[in-house]
C-alpha atoms as a PDB file:
ATOM      1  CA  UNK A   1      12.647  45.714   0.758  1.00  0.00           C
ATOM      2  CA  UNK A   2      10.951  44.944  -2.298  1.00  0.00           C
ATOM      3  CA  UNK A   3       7.020  44.372  -2.871  1.00  0.00           C
ATOM      4  CA  UNK A   4       5.581  40.899  -2.608  1.00  0.00           C
ATOM      5  CA  UNK A   5       4.411  41.594  -6.276  1.00  0.00           C
ATOM      6  CA  UNK A   6       7.575  42.258  -8.080  1.00  0.00           C
ATOM      7  CA  UNK A   7       9.775  39.410  -5.452  1.00  0.00           C
ATOM      8  CA  UNK A   8       7.637  36.943  -6.965  1.00  0.00           C
ATOM      9  CA  UNK A   9       7.425  38.484 -10.378  1.00  0.00           C
ATOM     10  CA  UNK A  10      11.461  37.741 -10.227  1.00  0.00           C
ATOM     11  CA  UNK A  11      11.470  34.383  -8.453  1.00  0.00           C
ATOM     12  CA  UNK A  12       8.992  32.920 -11.298  1.00  0.00           C
ATOM     13  CA  UNK A  13      11.696  34.159 -13.844  1.00  0.00           C
ATOM     14  CA  UNK A  14      14.461  32.753 -11.694  1.00  0.00           C
ATOM     15  CA  UNK A  15      12.972  29.442 -10.905  1.00  0.00           C
ATOM     16  CA  UNK A  16      11.380  28.361 -14.224  1.00  0.00           C
ATOM     17  CA  UNK A  17      15.269  28.572 -15.650  1.00  0.00           C
ATOM     18  CA  UNK A  18      15.989  26.689 -12.685  1.00  0.00           C
ATOM     19  CA  UNK A  19      13.363  23.911 -13.140  1.00  0.00           C
ATOM     20  CA  UNK A  20      13.637  23.901 -16.912  1.00  0.00           C
ATOM     21  CA  UNK A  21       9.945  24.838 -17.148  1.00  0.00           C
ATOM     22  CA  UNK A  22       6.372  27.272 -16.807  1.00  0.00           C
ATOM     23  CA  UNK A  23       6.334  27.941 -13.137  1.00  0.00           C
ATOM     24  CA  UNK A  24       3.735  30.412 -11.034  1.00  0.00           C
ATOM     25  CA  UNK A  25       4.654  31.530  -7.418  1.00  0.00           C
ATOM     26  CA  UNK A  26       1.721  31.765  -5.270  1.00  0.00           C
ATOM     27  CA  UNK A  27       0.402  32.887  -2.015  1.00  0.00           C
ATOM     28  CA  UNK A  28       3.609  34.817  -1.565  1.00  0.00           C
ATOM     29  CA  UNK A  29       3.853  36.128   2.167  1.00  0.00           C
ATOM     30  CA  UNK A  30       6.555  37.462   4.492  1.00  0.00           C
ATOM     31  CA  UNK A  31       7.334  35.059   7.644  1.00  0.00           C
ATOM     32  CA  UNK A  32       7.365  36.714  11.174  1.00  0.00           C
ATOM     33  CA  UNK A  33      10.430  36.506  12.789  1.00  0.00           C
ATOM     34  CA  UNK A  34      13.880  36.547  11.790  1.00  0.00           C
ATOM     35  CA  UNK A  35      15.893  39.883  12.996  1.00  0.00           C
ATOM     36  CA  UNK A  36      18.956  39.043  10.867  1.00  0.00           C
ATOM     37  CA  UNK A  37      17.275  37.410   7.859  1.00  0.00           C
ATOM     38  CA  UNK A  38      14.417  37.709   5.749  1.00  0.00           C
ATOM     39  CA  UNK A  39      11.706  34.582   5.205  1.00  0.00           C
ATOM     40  CA  UNK A  40       9.598  34.576   2.560  1.00  0.00           C
ATOM     41  CA  UNK A  41       7.087  31.541   2.047  1.00  0.00           C
ATOM     42  CA  UNK A  42       5.460  30.624  -1.222  1.00  0.00           C
ATOM     43  CA  UNK A  43       4.146  27.984  -3.276  1.00  0.00           C
ATOM     44  CA  UNK A  44       5.257  27.376  -6.489  1.00  0.00           C
ATOM     45  CA  UNK A  45       3.157  25.234  -9.442  1.00  0.00           C
ATOM     46  CA  UNK A  46       5.440  23.808 -12.089  1.00  0.00           C
ATOM     47  CA  UNK A  47       3.569  23.126 -14.977  1.00  0.00           C
ATOM     48  CA  UNK A  48       5.718  19.735 -16.302  1.00  0.00           C
ATOM     49  CA  UNK A  49       8.857  17.930 -16.416  1.00  0.00           C
ATOM     50  CA  UNK A  50      10.810  16.286 -12.920  1.00  0.00           C
ATOM     51  CA  UNK A  51       9.463  18.968 -10.636  1.00  0.00           C
ATOM     52  CA  UNK A  52       5.880  19.235 -11.960  1.00  0.00           C
ATOM     53  CA  UNK A  53       3.433  19.814  -8.666  1.00  0.00           C
ATOM     54  CA  UNK A  54       2.675  21.911  -5.812  1.00  0.00           C
ATOM     55  CA  UNK A  55       5.808  22.624  -4.080  1.00  0.00           C
ATOM     56  CA  UNK A  56       5.257  24.481  -0.421  1.00  0.00           C
ATOM     57  CA  UNK A  57       8.739  26.401  -0.124  1.00  0.00           C
ATOM     58  CA  UNK A  58      10.568  29.066   2.094  1.00  0.00           C
ATOM     59  CA  UNK A  59      12.859  31.905   0.271  1.00  0.00           C
ATOM     60  CA  UNK A  60      15.740  32.915   2.993  1.00  0.00           C
ATOM     61  CA  UNK A  61      17.022  36.195   2.165  1.00  0.00           C
ATOM     62  CA  UNK A  62      19.389  39.136   3.709  1.00  0.00           C
ATOM     63  CA  UNK A  63      18.287  42.545   5.214  1.00  0.00           C
ATOM     64  CA  UNK A  64      19.915  45.207   5.741  1.00  0.00           C
ATOM     65  CA  UNK A  65      22.821  45.339   7.885  1.00  0.00           C
ATOM     66  CA  UNK A  66      25.318  42.420   9.543  1.00  0.00           C
ATOM     67  CA  UNK A  67      24.413  41.289  12.923  1.00  0.00           C
ATOM     68  CA  UNK A  68      27.279  39.595  13.598  1.00  0.00           C
ATOM     69  CA  UNK A  69      30.591  39.934  11.374  1.00  0.00           C
ATOM     70  CA  UNK A  70      31.064  35.546  11.118  1.00  0.00           C
ATOM     71  CA  UNK A  71      27.952  35.136  10.189  1.00  0.00           C
ATOM     72  CA  UNK A  72      27.421  32.757   7.493  1.00  0.00           C
ATOM     73  CA  UNK A  73      26.883  34.024   4.148  1.00  0.00           C
ATOM     74  CA  UNK A  74      23.329  32.445   2.691  1.00  0.00           C
ATOM     75  CA  UNK A  75      25.723  30.144   0.085  1.00  0.00           C
ATOM     76  CA  UNK A  76      27.795  28.991   3.316  1.00  0.00           C
ATOM     77  CA  UNK A  77      24.260  28.309   5.106  1.00  0.00           C
ATOM     78  CA  UNK A  78      22.365  26.452   2.256  1.00  0.00           C
ATOM     79  CA  UNK A  79      25.948  24.138   2.019  1.00  0.00           C
ATOM     80  CA  UNK A  80      25.636  23.213   6.158  1.00  0.00           C
ATOM     81  CA  UNK A  81      21.999  22.287   5.318  1.00  0.00           C
ATOM     82  CA  UNK A  82      23.189  20.148   2.673  1.00  0.00           C
ATOM     83  CA  UNK A  83      25.250  18.563   4.929  1.00  0.00           C
ATOM     84  CA  UNK A  84      22.706  18.492   8.022  1.00  0.00           C
ATOM     85  CA  UNK A  85      19.964  17.149   5.871  1.00  0.00           C
ATOM     86  CA  UNK A  86      22.264  14.485   4.462  1.00  0.00           C
ATOM     87  CA  UNK A  87      22.843  12.901   8.027  1.00  0.00           C
ATOM     88  CA  UNK A  88      19.022  13.144   8.581  1.00  0.00           C
ATOM     89  CA  UNK A  89      19.103  15.840  10.836  1.00  0.00           C
ATOM     90  CA  UNK A  90      15.628  17.761  11.030  1.00  0.00           C
ATOM     91  CA  UNK A  91      16.188  20.303   8.820  1.00  0.00           C
ATOM     92  CA  UNK A  92      14.087  21.809   6.033  1.00  0.00           C
ATOM     93  CA  UNK A  93      15.445  20.427   2.707  1.00  0.00           C
ATOM     94  CA  UNK A  94      17.286  22.667   0.885  1.00  0.00           C
ATOM     95  CA  UNK A  95      16.349  23.147  -2.796  1.00  0.00           C
ATOM     96  CA  UNK A  96      18.255  25.667  -5.087  1.00  0.00           C
ATOM     97  CA  UNK A  97      20.956  28.411  -3.955  1.00  0.00           C
ATOM     98  CA  UNK A  98      21.225  31.701  -5.474  1.00  0.00           C
ATOM     99  CA  UNK A  99      24.021  33.961  -4.966  1.00  0.00           C
ATOM    100  CA  UNK A 100      23.703  36.712  -7.441  1.00  0.00           C
ATOM    101  CA  UNK A 101      22.353  39.765  -5.510  1.00  0.00           C
ATOM    102  CA  UNK A 102      20.495  41.081  -8.767  1.00  0.00           C
ATOM    103  CA  UNK A 103      17.991  38.667  -8.884  1.00  0.00           C
ATOM    104  CA  UNK A 104      16.606  39.826  -5.423  1.00  0.00           C
ATOM    105  CA  UNK A 105      18.563  42.746  -4.747  1.00  0.00           C
ATOM    106  CA  UNK A 106      20.078  40.177  -1.996  1.00  0.00           C
ATOM    107  CA  UNK A 107      21.721  36.353  -2.034  1.00  0.00           C
ATOM    108  CA  UNK A 108      19.184  33.711  -1.097  1.00  0.00           C
ATOM    109  CA  UNK A 109      18.272  30.251  -1.183  1.00  0.00           C
ATOM    110  CA  UNK A 110      14.822  28.091  -1.574  1.00  0.00           C
ATOM    111  CA  UNK A 111      14.013  25.324   0.705  1.00  0.00           C
ATOM    112  CA  UNK A 112      10.720  23.337   1.657  1.00  0.00           C
ATOM    113  CA  UNK A 113       8.325  24.520   3.878  1.00  0.00           C
ATOM    114  CA  UNK A 114       7.937  22.818   7.088  1.00  0.00           C
ATOM    115  CA  UNK A 115       4.636  23.458   8.854  1.00  0.00           C
ATOM    116  CA  UNK A 116       4.303  24.701  12.591  1.00  0.00           C
ATOM    117  CA  UNK A 117       4.635  26.676  15.143  1.00  0.00           C
ATOM    118  CA  UNK A 118       8.043  28.404  15.094  1.00  0.00           C
ATOM    119  CA  UNK A 119       7.315  31.360  17.273  1.00  0.00           C
ATOM    120  CA  UNK A 120       8.794  31.029  20.753  1.00  0.00           C
ATOM    121  CA  UNK A 121       5.713  33.121  22.722  1.00  0.00           C
ATOM    122  CA  UNK A 122       3.397  30.208  21.653  1.00  0.00           C
ATOM    123  CA  UNK A 123       5.488  27.275  21.549  1.00  0.00           C
ATOM    124  CA  UNK A 124       5.822  27.608  25.830  1.00  0.00           C
ATOM    125  CA  UNK A 125       2.295  28.660  25.911  1.00  0.00           C
ATOM    126  CA  UNK A 126      -0.153  27.128  23.571  1.00  0.00           C
ATOM    127  CA  UNK A 127      -2.429  24.711  25.201  1.00  0.00           C
ATOM    128  CA  UNK A 128      -2.644  22.677  22.402  1.00  0.00           C
ATOM    129  CA  UNK A 129       1.531  22.283  22.397  1.00  0.00           C
ATOM    130  CA  UNK A 130       1.415  20.979  25.698  1.00  0.00           C
ATOM    131  CA  UNK A 131       2.347  17.423  24.797  1.00  0.00           C
ATOM    132  CA  UNK A 132       5.015  18.656  22.649  1.00  0.00           C
ATOM    133  CA  UNK A 133       6.820  20.670  25.357  1.00  0.00           C
ATOM    134  CA  UNK A 134       6.796  16.916  27.330  1.00  0.00           C
ATOM    135  CA  UNK A 135       8.907  15.635  24.467  1.00  0.00           C
ATOM    136  CA  UNK A 136      10.970  18.429  23.301  1.00  0.00           C
ATOM    137  CA  UNK A 137      13.582  17.995  25.776  1.00  0.00           C
ATOM    138  CA  UNK A 138      14.542  14.567  24.850  1.00  0.00           C
ATOM    139  CA  UNK A 139      14.337  15.479  21.074  1.00  0.00           C
ATOM    140  CA  UNK A 140      16.138  18.332  21.340  1.00  0.00           C
ATOM    141  CA  UNK A 141      19.039  16.501  22.988  1.00  0.00           C
ATOM    142  CA  UNK A 142      19.363  14.104  20.479  1.00  0.00           C
ATOM    143  CA  UNK A 143      19.013  16.060  17.781  1.00  0.00           C
ATOM    144  CA  UNK A 144      21.754  18.498  18.871  1.00  0.00           C
ATOM    145  CA  UNK A 145      24.146  15.174  20.096  1.00  0.00           C
ATOM    146  CA  UNK A 146      23.711  14.348  15.968  1.00  0.00           C
ATOM    147  CA  UNK A 147      24.694  17.756  15.096  1.00  0.00           C
ATOM    148  CA  UNK A 148      27.831  17.782  17.154  1.00  0.00           C
ATOM    149  CA  UNK A 149      28.769  14.524  15.260  1.00  0.00           C
ATOM    150  CA  UNK A 150      28.994  15.560  12.344  1.00  0.00           C
ATOM    151  CA  UNK A 151      31.876  15.657  10.539  1.00  0.00           C
ATOM    152  CA  UNK A 152      33.141  19.274   9.710  1.00  0.00           C
ATOM    153  CA  UNK A 153      36.490  17.793   8.278  1.00  0.00           C
ATOM    154  CA  UNK A 154      34.399  17.196   5.087  1.00  0.00           C
ATOM    155  CA  UNK A 155      35.326  19.032   1.919  1.00  0.00           C
ATOM    156  CA  UNK A 156      33.110  22.156   1.231  1.00  0.00           C
ATOM    157  CA  UNK A 157      33.149  23.470   5.327  1.00  0.00           C
ATOM    158  CA  UNK A 158      36.487  24.653   4.710  1.00  0.00           C
ATOM    159  CA  UNK A 159      35.152  28.400   5.347  1.00  0.00           C
ATOM    160  CA  UNK A 160      33.338  27.563   8.725  1.00  0.00           C
ATOM    161  CA  UNK A 161      34.969  30.016  11.600  1.00  0.00           C
ATOM    162  CA  UNK A 162      36.878  28.764  14.349  1.00  0.00           C
ATOM    163  CA  UNK A 163      36.993  30.570  18.161  1.00  0.00           C
ATOM    164  CA  UNK A 164      39.224  27.857  18.997  1.00  0.00           C
ATOM    165  CA  UNK A 165      41.994  29.286  17.029  1.00  0.00           C
ATOM    166  CA  UNK A 166      41.775  32.492  19.318  1.00  0.00           C
ATOM    167  CA  UNK A 167      42.142  30.816  22.277  1.00  0.00           C
ATOM    168  CA  UNK A 168      38.380  28.766  22.792  1.00  0.00           C
ATOM    169  CA  UNK A 169      36.142  30.850  25.293  1.00  0.00           C
ATOM    170  CA  UNK A 170      37.943  33.867  25.074  1.00  0.00           C
ATOM    171  CA  UNK A 171      37.962  34.149  21.386  1.00  0.00           C
ATOM    172  CA  UNK A 172      34.278  34.459  21.284  1.00  0.00           C
ATOM    173  CA  UNK A 173      34.235  36.736  24.220  1.00  0.00           C
ATOM    174  CA  UNK A 174      36.874  39.075  22.545  1.00  0.00           C
ATOM    175  CA  UNK A 175      34.654  38.835  19.387  1.00  0.00           C
ATOM    176  CA  UNK A 176      31.816  39.755  21.421  1.00  0.00           C
ATOM    177  CA  UNK A 177      33.343  42.579  22.666  1.00  0.00           C
ATOM    178  CA  UNK A 178      34.720  43.647  19.677  1.00  0.00           C
ATOM    179  CA  UNK A 179      31.168  43.960  18.743  1.00  0.00           C
ATOM    180  CA  UNK A 180      30.686  46.232  22.113  1.00  0.00           C
ATOM    181  CA  UNK A 181      33.462  48.545  21.613  1.00  0.00           C
ATOM    182  CA  UNK A 182      32.291  49.512  18.131  1.00  0.00           C
ATOM    183  CA  UNK A 183      29.116  50.539  19.347  1.00  0.00           C
ATOM    184  CA  UNK A 184      31.063  52.773  21.718  1.00  0.00           C
ATOM    185  CA  UNK A 185      27.787  52.964  24.398  1.00  0.00           C
ATOM    186  CA  UNK A 186      29.491  52.501  28.178  1.00  0.00           C
ATOM    187  CA  UNK A 187      27.633  49.728  29.629  1.00  0.00           C
ATOM    188  CA  UNK A 188      29.634  48.690  33.031  1.00  0.00           C
ATOM    189  CA  UNK A 189      27.599  45.706  33.911  1.00  0.00           C
ATOM    190  CA  UNK A 190      28.960  44.449  30.806  1.00  0.00           C
ATOM    191  CA  UNK A 191      32.365  45.454  31.482  1.00  0.00           C
ATOM    192  CA  UNK A 192      32.228  43.770  34.819  1.00  0.00           C
ATOM    193  CA  UNK A 193      31.035  40.585  33.244  1.00  0.00           C
ATOM    194  CA  UNK A 194      33.580  40.515  30.491  1.00  0.00           C
ATOM    195  CA  UNK A 195      36.312  40.973  33.112  1.00  0.00           C
ATOM    196  CA  UNK A 196      34.888  37.830  35.074  1.00  0.00           C
ATOM    197  CA  UNK A 197      33.910  35.666  32.461  1.00  0.00           C
ATOM    198  CA  UNK A 198      37.854  36.100  31.436  1.00  0.00           C
ATOM    199  CA  UNK A 199      39.164  35.649  34.177  1.00  0.00           C
ATOM    200  CA  UNK A 200      37.573  32.398  34.758  1.00  0.00           C
ATOM    201  CA  UNK A 201      37.488  31.018  31.338  1.00  0.00           C
ATOM    202  CA  UNK A 202      37.026  27.061  31.173  1.00  0.00           C
ATOM    203  CA  UNK A 203      39.548  25.282  28.693  1.00  0.00           C
ATOM    204  CA  UNK A 204      37.821  23.508  25.491  1.00  0.00           C
ATOM    205  CA  UNK A 205      38.582  19.639  25.647  1.00  0.00           C
ATOM    206  CA  UNK A 206      36.338  18.715  22.929  1.00  0.00           C
ATOM    207  CA  UNK A 207      35.862  20.722  19.684  1.00  0.00           C
ATOM    208  CA  UNK A 208      32.935  20.130  17.301  1.00  0.00           C
ATOM    209  CA  UNK A 209      30.438  21.405  14.531  1.00  0.00           C
ATOM    210  CA  UNK A 210      28.133  24.328  16.706  1.00  0.00           C
ATOM    211  CA  UNK A 211      24.567  25.483  15.363  1.00  0.00           C
ATOM    212  CA  UNK A 212      25.121  28.875  17.448  1.00  0.00           C
ATOM    213  CA  UNK A 213      21.723  29.957  17.501  1.00  0.00           C
ATOM    214  CA  UNK A 214      20.050  26.350  19.480  1.00  0.00           C
ATOM    215  CA  UNK A 215      17.190  27.582  20.816  1.00  0.00           C
ATOM    216  CA  UNK A 216      12.973  27.923  21.411  1.00  0.00           C
ATOM    217  CA  UNK A 217      12.182  30.322  18.507  1.00  0.00           C
ATOM    218  CA  UNK A 218      14.554  28.575  16.121  1.00  0.00           C
ATOM    219  CA  UNK A 219      12.415  25.794  15.811  1.00  0.00           C
ATOM    220  CA  UNK A 220       9.166  24.170  13.924  1.00  0.00           C
ATOM    221  CA  UNK A 221       6.965  22.751  16.359  1.00  0.00           C
ATOM    222  CA  UNK A 222       3.791  20.279  16.060  1.00  0.00           C
ATOM    223  CA  UNK A 223       1.713  18.584  18.612  1.00  0.00           C
ATOM    224  CA  UNK A 224       4.385  15.643  18.257  1.00  0.00           C
ATOM    225  CA  UNK A 225       7.388  17.523  19.202  1.00  0.00           C
ATOM    226  CA  UNK A 226      10.202  18.717  16.610  1.00  0.00           C
ATOM    227  CA  UNK A 227       9.324  18.788  13.029  1.00  0.00           C
ATOM    228  CA  UNK A 228      12.627  21.004  12.229  1.00  0.00           C
ATOM    229  CA  UNK A 229      15.770  23.004  13.361  1.00  0.00           C
ATOM    230  CA  UNK A 230      15.952  26.540  11.756  1.00  0.00           C
ATOM    231  CA  UNK A 231      18.622  29.587  11.331  1.00  0.00           C
ATOM    232  CA  UNK A 232      21.955  27.695  10.471  1.00  0.00           C
ATOM    233  CA  UNK A 233      23.878  31.405  10.013  1.00  0.00           C
ATOM    234  CA  UNK A 234      25.349  31.117  12.803  1.00  0.00           C
ATOM    235  CA  UNK A 235      27.418  27.892  12.404  1.00  0.00           C
ATOM    236  CA  UNK A 236      30.850  27.494  13.284  1.00  0.00           C
ATOM    237  CA  UNK A 237      33.542  25.128  14.988  1.00  0.00           C
ATOM    238  CA  UNK A 238      33.619  25.448  18.554  1.00  0.00           C
ATOM    239  CA  UNK A 239      32.726  24.203  22.455  1.00  0.00           C
ATOM    240  CA  UNK A 240      29.471  22.040  22.308  1.00  0.00           C
ATOM    241  CA  UNK A 241      28.704  23.296  26.002  1.00  0.00           C
ATOM    242  CA  UNK A 242      28.442  26.273  23.948  1.00  0.00           C
ATOM    243  CA  UNK A 243      25.350  25.070  21.913  1.00  0.00           C
ATOM    244  CA  UNK A 244      24.043  23.404  25.476  1.00  0.00           C
ATOM    245  CA  UNK A 245      23.863  26.424  27.376  1.00  0.00           C
ATOM    246  CA  UNK A 246      22.320  28.659  25.012  1.00  0.00           C
ATOM    247  CA  UNK A 247      18.400  27.478  24.945  1.00  0.00           C
ATOM    248  CA  UNK A 248      19.045  27.928  28.804  1.00  0.00           C
ATOM    249  CA  UNK A 249      19.468  31.523  28.543  1.00  0.00           C
ATOM    250  CA  UNK A 250      16.884  33.287  29.969  1.00  0.00           C
ATOM    251  CA  UNK A 251      15.501  35.335  26.953  1.00  0.00           C
ATOM    252  CA  UNK A 252      14.744  32.557  25.539  1.00  0.00           C
ATOM    253  CA  UNK A 253      12.354  31.003  27.848  1.00  0.00           C
ATOM    254  CA  UNK A 254       9.365  33.932  26.594  1.00  0.00           C
ATOM    255  CA  UNK A 255       8.168  34.673  30.232  1.00  0.00           C
ATOM    256  CA  UNK A 256       7.966  31.296  31.308  1.00  0.00           C
ATOM    257  CA  UNK A 257      11.367  31.645  33.579  1.00  0.00           C
ATOM    258  CA  UNK A 258      10.541  28.945  35.930  1.00  0.00           C
ATOM    259  CA  UNK A 259      11.298  26.617  33.163  1.00  0.00           C
ATOM    260  CA  UNK A 260      15.004  26.919  32.643  1.00  0.00           C
ATOM    261  CA  UNK A 261      15.115  25.234  29.287  1.00  0.00           C
ATOM    262  CA  UNK A 262      13.363  27.609  26.744  1.00  0.00           C
ATOM    263  CA  UNK A 263      10.374  28.129  28.464  1.00  0.00           C
ATOM    264  CA  UNK A 264       9.047  24.181  28.277  1.00  0.00           C
ATOM    265  CA  UNK A 265      11.183  22.432  30.573  1.00  0.00           C
ATOM    266  CA  UNK A 266      14.235  20.781  32.651  1.00  0.00           C
ATOM    267  CA  UNK A 267      17.708  20.896  31.150  1.00  0.00           C
ATOM    268  CA  UNK A 268      18.249  17.296  33.180  1.00  0.00           C
ATOM    269  CA  UNK A 269      15.894  15.743  30.383  1.00  0.00           C
ATOM    270  CA  UNK A 270      17.605  17.563  27.471  1.00  0.00           C
ATOM    271  CA  UNK A 271      21.207  17.133  28.662  1.00  0.00           C
ATOM    272  CA  UNK A 272      20.445  12.956  29.759  1.00  0.00           C
ATOM    273  CA  UNK A 273      19.010  12.823  25.971  1.00  0.00           C
ATOM    274  CA  UNK A 274      22.174  14.205  24.730  1.00  0.00           C
ATOM    275  CA  UNK A 275      24.951  12.137  26.863  1.00  0.00           C
ATOM    276  CA  UNK A 276      23.129   9.105  26.322  1.00  0.00           C
ATOM    277  CA  UNK A 277      23.401   9.908  21.910  1.00  0.00           C
ATOM    278  CA  UNK A 278      26.507  11.574  22.365  1.00  0.00           C
ATOM    279  CA  UNK A 279      27.954   9.309  24.543  1.00  0.00           C
ATOM    280  CA  UNK A 280      29.801  12.084  26.773  1.00  0.00           C
ATOM    281  CA  UNK A 281      28.943  13.490  30.539  1.00  0.00           C
ATOM    282  CA  UNK A 282      28.334  17.438  30.423  1.00  0.00           C
ATOM    283  CA  UNK A 283      29.902  19.214  33.119  1.00  0.00           C
ATOM    284  CA  UNK A 284      27.581  20.975  34.772  1.00  0.00           C
ATOM    285  CA  UNK A 285      30.172  23.490  36.019  1.00  0.00           C
ATOM    286  CA  UNK A 286      31.255  24.528  32.770  1.00  0.00           C
ATOM    287  CA  UNK A 287      27.729  24.823  31.735  1.00  0.00           C
ATOM    288  CA  UNK A 288      26.776  27.045  34.313  1.00  0.00           C
ATOM    289  CA  UNK A 289      29.954  29.633  32.890  1.00  0.00           C
ATOM    290  CA  UNK A 290      28.669  29.320  29.389  1.00  0.00           C
ATOM    291  CA  UNK A 291      24.771  30.555  30.590  1.00  0.00           C
ATOM    292  CA  UNK A 292      26.656  33.202  31.638  1.00  0.00           C
ATOM    293  CA  UNK A 293      28.636  33.789  28.719  1.00  0.00           C
ATOM    294  CA  UNK A 294      25.248  33.624  26.320  1.00  0.00           C
ATOM    295  CA  UNK A 295      23.956  35.923  28.402  1.00  0.00           C
ATOM    296  CA  UNK A 296      26.726  38.670  27.719  1.00  0.00           C
ATOM    297  CA  UNK A 297      26.956  37.572  24.116  1.00  0.00           C
ATOM    298  CA  UNK A 298      23.101  37.955  23.886  1.00  0.00           C
ATOM    299  CA  UNK A 299      23.127  41.593  25.698  1.00  0.00           C
ATOM    300  CA  UNK A 300      25.513  42.923  23.087  1.00  0.00           C
ATOM    301  CA  UNK A 301      23.643  41.483  20.415  1.00  0.00           C
ATOM    302  CA  UNK A 302      20.875  43.421  21.199  1.00  0.00           C
ATOM    303  CA  UNK A 303      22.909  46.348  21.310  1.00  0.00           C
ATOM    304  CA  UNK A 304      24.253  45.548  17.716  1.00  0.00           C
ATOM    305  CA  UNK A 305      20.609  45.070  16.810  1.00  0.00           C
ATOM    306  CA  UNK A 306      19.562  48.004  17.979  1.00  0.00           C
ATOM    307  CA  UNK A 307      22.133  50.318  16.593  1.00  0.00           C
ATOM    308  CA  UNK A 308      20.929  48.473  13.157  1.00  0.00           C
ATOM    309  CA  UNK A 309      17.902  50.606  13.474  1.00  0.00           C
ATOM    310  CA  UNK A 310      19.773  53.537  14.923  1.00  0.00           C
ATOM    311  CA  UNK A 311      22.157  54.111  12.080  1.00  0.00           C
ATOM    312  CA  UNK A 312      19.586  53.323   9.306  1.00  0.00           C
ATOM    313  CA  UNK A 313      20.577  50.266   7.955  1.00  0.00           C
ATOM    314  CA  UNK A 314      17.161  48.461   9.106  1.00  0.00           C
ATOM    315  CA  UNK A 315      14.629  50.874  10.616  1.00  0.00           C
ATOM    316  CA  UNK A 316      12.583  48.437  12.746  1.00  0.00           C
ATOM    317  CA  UNK A 317      10.662  48.656  16.062  1.00  0.00           C
ATOM    318  CA  UNK A 318      11.789  45.218  16.803  1.00  0.00           C
ATOM    319  CA  UNK A 319      15.295  45.851  16.360  1.00  0.00           C
ATOM    320  CA  UNK A 320      15.163  48.916  18.647  1.00  0.00           C
ATOM    321  CA  UNK A 321      13.050  47.513  21.407  1.00  0.00           C
ATOM    322  CA  UNK A 322      15.699  44.858  21.527  1.00  0.00           C
ATOM    323  CA  UNK A 323      18.103  47.569  22.835  1.00  0.00           C
ATOM    324  CA  UNK A 324      15.855  48.280  25.361  1.00  0.00           C
ATOM    325  CA  UNK A 325      16.169  44.738  26.653  1.00  0.00           C
ATOM    326  CA  UNK A 326      19.739  44.978  27.724  1.00  0.00           C
ATOM    327  CA  UNK A 327      19.172  46.250  31.110  1.00  0.00           C
ATOM    328  CA  UNK A 328      17.349  43.233  31.671  1.00  0.00           C
ATOM    329  CA  UNK A 329      19.642  41.051  30.123  1.00  0.00           C
ATOM    330  CA  UNK A 330      22.736  43.066  32.798  1.00  0.00           C
ATOM    331  CA  UNK A 331      20.549  42.268  35.483  1.00  0.00           C
ATOM    332  CA  UNK A 332      20.494  38.654  34.941  1.00  0.00           C
ATOM    333  CA  UNK A 333      24.136  38.384  34.365  1.00  0.00           C
ATOM    334  CA  UNK A 334      24.675  40.322  37.807  1.00  0.00           C
ATOM    335  CA  UNK A 335      22.570  37.774  39.747  1.00  0.00           C
ATOM    336  CA  UNK A 336      24.136  34.586  37.684  1.00  0.00           C
ATOM    337  CA  UNK A 337      28.271  35.912  38.380  1.00  0.00           C
ATOM    338  CA  UNK A 338      26.609  35.930  41.828  1.00  0.00           C
ATOM    339  CA  UNK A 339      25.324  32.565  42.721  1.00  0.00           C
ATOM    340  CA  UNK A 340      28.471  30.983  40.738  1.00  0.00           C
ATOM    341  CA  UNK A 341      30.555  33.348  42.832  1.00  0.00           C
ATOM    342  CA  UNK A 342      29.055  31.868  45.984  1.00  0.00           C
ATOM    343  CA  UNK A 343      29.461  28.337  45.011  1.00  0.00           C
ATOM    344  CA  UNK A 344      32.666  28.672  44.242  1.00  0.00           C
ATOM    345  CA  UNK A 345      33.072  30.052  47.825  1.00  0.00           C
ATOM    346  CA  UNK A 346      31.627  27.157  49.018  1.00  0.00           C
ATOM    347  CA  UNK A 347      33.529  25.038  47.259  1.00  0.00           C
ATOM    348  CA  UNK A 348      36.591  26.819  48.132  1.00  0.00           C
END
């Protein structure tokens, strides 16, 4: 990764050309979080022209290695952000895209910076955000319904990956398992979970544009609740229940395990707001299945992240620590499958 001074100099040269005016990059700093992408906070002072003034911005760029083979490029993520922003969804306004890696060493885009808290463990614990935690479940349900209502057939979104074409749920399951096979580590619990998930895979009655990583930790939160939804690199076409179950995965509760929805509250408020806004009813049995699948996929994701560190692609203590979490998720998988089997037995 280039130094902050080098990045600032290169950004000044590039952005001056974009806005057709002298600019100065002020107070650059790397933002915490983001295992697959790097984010740089800057203030851009534009001397003249339509953009004259001081702009609070974030530069989003790639890190080393690939977290998932179907992750969007920066150009594709920028396009999705444009569509979401135009539809009034709470996202940072996308400003400029640079697909040329020669400028910063990797493709990047620039978007508005929205102030607030984005670190999951703080969102679920900070006393100053107690009111926000009461408001967030409904806010998240309403926003997710609006995301799922986006027209994915509009021009410019042809790149969106669709696991539905690979036989709905089993398509995603196969992709995750293929990623696990590439690592080549033995994980008996994940083998058991894969077989259970395969045998119990539900159908996909409705296809929507899925965010793909909709959870606490990918939000900006203020005292009034939700300010923005971040990290759109995993957008794809799929089952809406995938997004509904993902924020209930235990890892996204940040230690507040009694609050099943992302460590902030009950899923029922979230689901009720989604159902009211979307005009649909969410099948709770399918939701329970997708929670198990979400844990399976995240366990594979943790293994893959650790491999980025071990392979030397992106040396990082954070990535190494994610690999250590796999055992916790495997225990969660065993517990959830046991509960699902008991419920099925009671309804037999």
